[in-house]
Amino acid sequence: MKTRTRKPTHPGAILRHDYLDPLGMTITALADRLKVSRKHLSGVLNERAGITPDMALRLSKAFNTTPDLWLNLQNAHDLWCAEHAPTGWAEVTPITTAA
């Protein structure tokens, strides 16, 4: 398992800083273009909600990217958070098969 020292950036922060801000676009305007609620988009941008496959498709079409870009960003963020959460997963032992 790879261990990163720095938490991956949430895709909502990337969306805000690399796409929304340079375009001077408001959350409401982007929500209208994506055909999603302002509340849902705000949750993504403020890192309270993740990128779903549906949202990845919408963002990829709007910004001429791939859905995989958005899903991979979300996956990297989620895995890092899970790896650093004190849930006891690190104490799970491997299952060995009988020969």
N, C-alpha and C. Protein backbone atom coordinates (compact mmCIF):
# COMPACT_ATOMS: atom_id res chain seq x y z
N MET A 1 0.83 -1.17 0.00
CA MET A 1 0.00 0.00 0.00
C MET A 1 0.88 1.24 0.00
N LYS A 2 0.62 2.17 -0.91
CA LYS A 2 1.38 3.42 -0.96
C LYS A 2 0.95 4.32 0.19
N THR A 3 1.89 4.99 0.77
CA THR A 3 1.54 5.98 1.78
C THR A 3 2.04 7.33 1.32
N ARG A 4 1.13 8.24 1.19
CA ARG A 4 1.47 9.61 0.82
C ARG A 4 1.65 10.40 2.10
N THR A 5 2.55 11.34 2.05
CA THR A 5 2.76 12.15 3.23
C THR A 5 1.79 13.33 3.27
N ARG A 6 1.30 13.73 2.13
CA ARG A 6 0.39 14.87 2.06
C ARG A 6 -0.98 14.40 1.61
N LYS A 7 -1.99 14.94 2.25
CA LYS A 7 -3.37 14.61 1.87
C LYS A 7 -3.65 15.13 0.47
N PRO A 8 -4.18 14.28 -0.43
CA PRO A 8 -4.52 14.75 -1.77
C PRO A 8 -5.59 15.85 -1.72
N THR A 9 -5.48 16.77 -2.61
CA THR A 9 -6.44 17.87 -2.68
C THR A 9 -7.81 17.34 -3.06
N HIS A 10 -8.82 17.82 -2.37
CA HIS A 10 -10.20 17.44 -2.68
C HIS A 10 -10.55 17.98 -4.07
N PRO A 11 -11.27 17.19 -4.88
CA PRO A 11 -11.61 17.66 -6.23
C PRO A 11 -12.45 18.94 -6.23
N GLY A 12 -13.19 19.19 -5.15
CA GLY A 12 -13.95 20.44 -5.07
C GLY A 12 -13.05 21.65 -5.03
N ALA A 13 -11.92 21.53 -4.32
CA ALA A 13 -10.96 22.64 -4.27
C ALA A 13 -10.32 22.86 -5.64
N ILE A 14 -10.04 21.79 -6.34
CA ILE A 14 -9.47 21.90 -7.69
C ILE A 14 -10.49 22.54 -8.62
N LEU A 15 -11.73 22.12 -8.51
CA LEU A 15 -12.79 22.70 -9.33
C LEU A 15 -12.91 24.20 -9.09
N ARG A 16 -12.86 24.59 -7.82
CA ARG A 16 -12.98 26.01 -7.49
C ARG A 16 -11.77 26.81 -7.99
N HIS A 17 -10.56 26.37 -7.65
CA HIS A 17 -9.36 27.16 -7.92
C HIS A 17 -8.89 27.10 -9.37
N ASP A 18 -9.08 25.97 -10.03
CA ASP A 18 -8.57 25.82 -11.39
C ASP A 18 -9.61 26.06 -12.48
N TYR A 19 -10.87 26.04 -12.13
CA TYR A 19 -11.92 26.20 -13.14
C TYR A 19 -12.85 27.37 -12.83
N LEU A 20 -13.46 27.36 -11.67
CA LEU A 20 -14.47 28.38 -11.34
C LEU A 20 -13.87 29.78 -11.21
N ASP A 21 -12.84 29.93 -10.38
CA ASP A 21 -12.24 31.24 -10.15
C ASP A 21 -11.65 31.88 -11.42
N PRO A 22 -10.86 31.14 -12.22
CA PRO A 22 -10.31 31.76 -13.43
C PRO A 22 -11.39 32.22 -14.42
N LEU A 23 -12.52 31.53 -14.43
CA LEU A 23 -13.61 31.91 -15.33
C LEU A 23 -14.46 33.04 -14.76
N GLY A 24 -14.27 33.32 -13.47
CA GLY A 24 -15.10 34.33 -12.83
C GLY A 24 -16.55 33.91 -12.74
N MET A 25 -16.77 32.62 -12.67
CA MET A 25 -18.11 32.04 -12.66
C MET A 25 -18.60 31.85 -11.23
N THR A 26 -19.87 32.11 -11.00
CA THR A 26 -20.45 31.91 -9.67
C THR A 26 -20.89 30.46 -9.51
N ILE A 27 -21.11 30.09 -8.27
CA ILE A 27 -21.60 28.74 -7.99
C ILE A 27 -22.96 28.54 -8.65
N THR A 28 -23.80 29.55 -8.57
CA THR A 28 -25.14 29.47 -9.16
C THR A 28 -25.06 29.28 -10.67
N ALA A 29 -24.19 30.03 -11.32
CA ALA A 29 -24.05 29.92 -12.78
C ALA A 29 -23.55 28.54 -13.18
N LEU A 30 -22.56 28.02 -12.44
CA LEU A 30 -22.06 26.69 -12.77
C LEU A 30 -23.10 25.62 -12.49
N ALA A 31 -23.81 25.75 -11.39
CA ALA A 31 -24.87 24.79 -11.07
C ALA A 31 -25.92 24.75 -12.18
N ASP A 32 -26.28 25.93 -12.69
CA ASP A 32 -27.24 25.99 -13.80
C ASP A 32 -26.70 25.29 -15.03
N ARG A 33 -25.41 25.51 -15.35
CA ARG A 33 -24.81 24.89 -16.52
C ARG A 33 -24.72 23.37 -16.37
N LEU A 34 -24.45 22.93 -15.13
CA LEU A 34 -24.32 21.49 -14.89
C LEU A 34 -25.66 20.81 -14.68
N LYS A 35 -26.72 21.62 -14.53
CA LYS A 35 -28.06 21.08 -14.28
C LYS A 35 -28.12 20.32 -12.96
N VAL A 36 -27.49 20.92 -11.92
CA VAL A 36 -27.54 20.37 -10.56
C VAL A 36 -27.97 21.49 -9.63
N SER A 37 -28.33 21.13 -8.41
CA SER A 37 -28.74 22.16 -7.46
C SER A 37 -27.51 22.94 -6.98
N ARG A 38 -27.74 24.18 -6.65
CA ARG A 38 -26.68 25.02 -6.12
C ARG A 38 -26.18 24.43 -4.80
N LYS A 39 -27.08 23.89 -4.01
CA LYS A 39 -26.73 23.31 -2.72
C LYS A 39 -25.76 22.14 -2.89
N HIS A 40 -26.05 21.28 -3.85
CA HIS A 40 -25.17 20.12 -4.08
C HIS A 40 -23.80 20.57 -4.56
N LEU A 41 -23.76 21.49 -5.52
CA LEU A 41 -22.48 21.97 -6.03
C LEU A 41 -21.69 22.68 -4.94
N SER A 42 -22.37 23.44 -4.11
CA SER A 42 -21.71 24.12 -3.00
C SER A 42 -21.08 23.10 -2.05
N GLY A 43 -21.75 21.99 -1.82
CA GLY A 43 -21.20 20.93 -0.98
C GLY A 43 -19.92 20.37 -1.55
N VAL A 44 -19.88 20.19 -2.86
CA VAL A 44 -18.66 19.69 -3.52
C VAL A 44 -17.55 20.73 -3.41
N LEU A 45 -17.85 21.97 -3.75
CA LEU A 45 -16.85 23.02 -3.74
C LEU A 45 -16.29 23.30 -2.34
N ASN A 46 -17.13 23.11 -1.32
CA ASN A 46 -16.70 23.34 0.05
C ASN A 46 -16.23 22.06 0.74
N GLU A 47 -16.01 21.02 -0.06
CA GLU A 47 -15.42 19.75 0.38
C GLU A 47 -16.27 19.02 1.42
N ARG A 48 -17.58 19.21 1.35
CA ARG A 48 -18.49 18.47 2.22
C ARG A 48 -19.16 17.32 1.47
N ALA A 49 -19.02 17.31 0.17
CA ALA A 49 -19.59 16.24 -0.66
C ALA A 49 -18.53 15.83 -1.68
N GLY A 50 -18.64 14.59 -2.13
CA GLY A 50 -17.68 14.07 -3.09
C GLY A 50 -18.20 14.12 -4.51
N ILE A 51 -17.32 13.77 -5.43
CA ILE A 51 -17.66 13.70 -6.85
C ILE A 51 -18.26 12.32 -7.11
N THR A 52 -19.49 12.30 -7.57
CA THR A 52 -20.16 11.05 -7.94
C THR A 52 -19.89 10.77 -9.42
N PRO A 53 -20.14 9.56 -9.88
CA PRO A 53 -20.00 9.30 -11.31
C PRO A 53 -20.84 10.25 -12.17
N ASP A 54 -22.06 10.55 -11.71
CA ASP A 54 -22.92 11.48 -12.46
C ASP A 54 -22.28 12.87 -12.54
N MET A 55 -21.77 13.35 -11.41
CA MET A 55 -21.13 14.67 -11.40
C MET A 55 -19.87 14.65 -12.26
N ALA A 56 -19.12 13.55 -12.22
CA ALA A 56 -17.92 13.43 -13.05
C ALA A 56 -18.26 13.55 -14.53
N LEU A 57 -19.37 12.93 -14.94
CA LEU A 57 -19.80 13.05 -16.34
C LEU A 57 -20.17 14.49 -16.68
N ARG A 58 -20.88 15.15 -15.78
CA ARG A 58 -21.28 16.53 -16.02
C ARG A 58 -20.07 17.46 -16.11
N LEU A 59 -19.13 17.30 -15.18
CA LEU A 59 -17.94 18.14 -15.18
C LEU A 59 -17.08 17.88 -16.41
N SER A 60 -16.96 16.62 -16.80
CA SER A 60 -16.14 16.29 -17.96
C SER A 60 -16.71 16.90 -19.24
N LYS A 61 -18.01 16.92 -19.33
CA LYS A 61 -18.64 17.51 -20.51
C LYS A 61 -18.51 19.03 -20.49
N ALA A 62 -18.70 19.64 -19.32
CA ALA A 62 -18.64 21.09 -19.21
C ALA A 62 -17.23 21.63 -19.44
N PHE A 63 -16.23 20.93 -18.95
CA PHE A 63 -14.86 21.44 -19.01
C PHE A 63 -13.95 20.68 -19.96
N ASN A 64 -14.53 19.83 -20.80
CA ASN A 64 -13.78 19.09 -21.81
C ASN A 64 -12.63 18.29 -21.18
N THR A 65 -12.97 17.56 -20.12
CA THR A 65 -12.02 16.67 -19.47
C THR A 65 -12.59 15.26 -19.56
N THR A 66 -12.05 14.35 -18.81
CA THR A 66 -12.61 13.01 -18.77
C THR A 66 -13.27 12.78 -17.42
N PRO A 67 -14.28 11.93 -17.36
CA PRO A 67 -14.87 11.58 -16.07
C PRO A 67 -13.84 10.93 -15.15
N ASP A 68 -12.90 10.19 -15.75
CA ASP A 68 -11.87 9.52 -14.96
C ASP A 68 -11.02 10.51 -14.17
N LEU A 69 -10.76 11.67 -14.73
CA LEU A 69 -10.00 12.69 -14.01
C LEU A 69 -10.65 12.99 -12.67
N TRP A 70 -11.94 13.30 -12.69
CA TRP A 70 -12.66 13.68 -11.49
C TRP A 70 -12.81 12.53 -10.52
N LEU A 71 -13.08 11.33 -11.05
CA LEU A 71 -13.24 10.17 -10.18
C LEU A 71 -11.92 9.75 -9.55
N ASN A 72 -10.82 9.87 -10.31
CA ASN A 72 -9.51 9.53 -9.75
C ASN A 72 -9.09 10.51 -8.66
N LEU A 73 -9.40 11.79 -8.86
CA LEU A 73 -9.11 12.78 -7.81
C LEU A 73 -9.89 12.44 -6.54
N GLN A 74 -11.16 12.10 -6.70
CA GLN A 74 -11.99 11.77 -5.54
C GLN A 74 -11.50 10.49 -4.88
N ASN A 75 -11.15 9.50 -5.69
CA ASN A 75 -10.69 8.22 -5.16
C ASN A 75 -9.40 8.40 -4.35
N ALA A 76 -8.45 9.17 -4.87
CA ALA A 76 -7.19 9.41 -4.15
C ALA A 76 -7.46 10.09 -2.81
N HIS A 77 -8.35 11.05 -2.81
CA HIS A 77 -8.70 11.77 -1.58
C HIS A 77 -9.37 10.82 -0.58
N ASP A 78 -10.34 10.05 -1.04
CA ASP A 78 -11.07 9.14 -0.16
C ASP A 78 -10.17 8.07 0.44
N LEU A 79 -9.28 7.50 -0.38
CA LEU A 79 -8.39 6.45 0.12
C LEU A 79 -7.43 7.00 1.16
N TRP A 80 -6.89 8.20 0.94
CA TRP A 80 -5.99 8.80 1.91
C TRP A 80 -6.72 9.02 3.24
N CYS A 81 -7.93 9.55 3.15
CA CYS A 81 -8.70 9.80 4.38
C CYS A 81 -9.00 8.50 5.11
N ALA A 82 -9.36 7.45 4.38
CA ALA A 82 -9.65 6.16 5.00
C ALA A 82 -8.39 5.56 5.63
N GLU A 83 -7.27 5.70 4.94
CA GLU A 83 -6.02 5.15 5.43
C GLU A 83 -5.57 5.84 6.73
N HIS A 84 -5.93 7.09 6.89
CA HIS A 84 -5.51 7.84 8.06
C HIS A 84 -6.60 7.94 9.14
N ALA A 85 -7.71 7.27 8.93
CA ALA A 85 -8.80 7.27 9.92
C ALA A 85 -8.55 6.15 10.94
N PRO A 86 -8.78 6.42 12.21
CA PRO A 86 -8.54 5.41 13.24
C PRO A 86 -9.72 4.43 13.37
N THR A 87 -9.91 3.62 12.34
CA THR A 87 -11.04 2.69 12.34
C THR A 87 -10.65 1.27 12.69
N GLY A 88 -9.35 1.00 12.83
CA GLY A 88 -8.90 -0.34 13.15
C GLY A 88 -8.58 -1.19 11.94
N TRP A 89 -8.67 -0.64 10.75
CA TRP A 89 -8.41 -1.43 9.54
C TRP A 89 -6.97 -1.94 9.51
N ALA A 90 -6.04 -1.22 10.12
CA ALA A 90 -4.61 -1.61 10.07
C ALA A 90 -4.36 -2.88 10.85
N GLU A 91 -5.25 -3.25 11.75
CA GLU A 91 -5.06 -4.46 12.55
C GLU A 91 -5.62 -5.72 11.88
N VAL A 92 -6.22 -5.56 10.73
CA VAL A 92 -6.74 -6.72 9.98
C VAL A 92 -5.56 -7.54 9.50
N THR A 93 -5.64 -8.84 9.68
CA THR A 93 -4.55 -9.71 9.26
C THR A 93 -4.91 -10.39 7.94
N PRO A 94 -3.89 -10.70 7.16
CA PRO A 94 -4.13 -11.36 5.87
C PRO A 94 -4.72 -12.76 6.06
N ILE A 95 -5.54 -13.17 5.13
CA ILE A 95 -6.11 -14.51 5.13
C ILE A 95 -5.19 -15.39 4.30
N THR A 96 -4.73 -16.44 4.89
CA THR A 96 -3.86 -17.37 4.15
C THR A 96 -4.68 -18.60 3.76
N THR A 97 -4.36 -19.14 2.63
CA THR A 97 -5.09 -20.32 2.16
C THR A 97 -4.34 -21.58 2.58
N ALA A 98 -5.10 -22.63 2.77
CA ALA A 98 -4.50 -23.92 3.13
C ALA A 98 -3.90 -24.54 1.88
N ALA A 99 -2.72 -25.09 2.00
CA ALA A 99 -2.03 -25.68 0.85
C ALA A 99 -2.56 -27.04 0.52
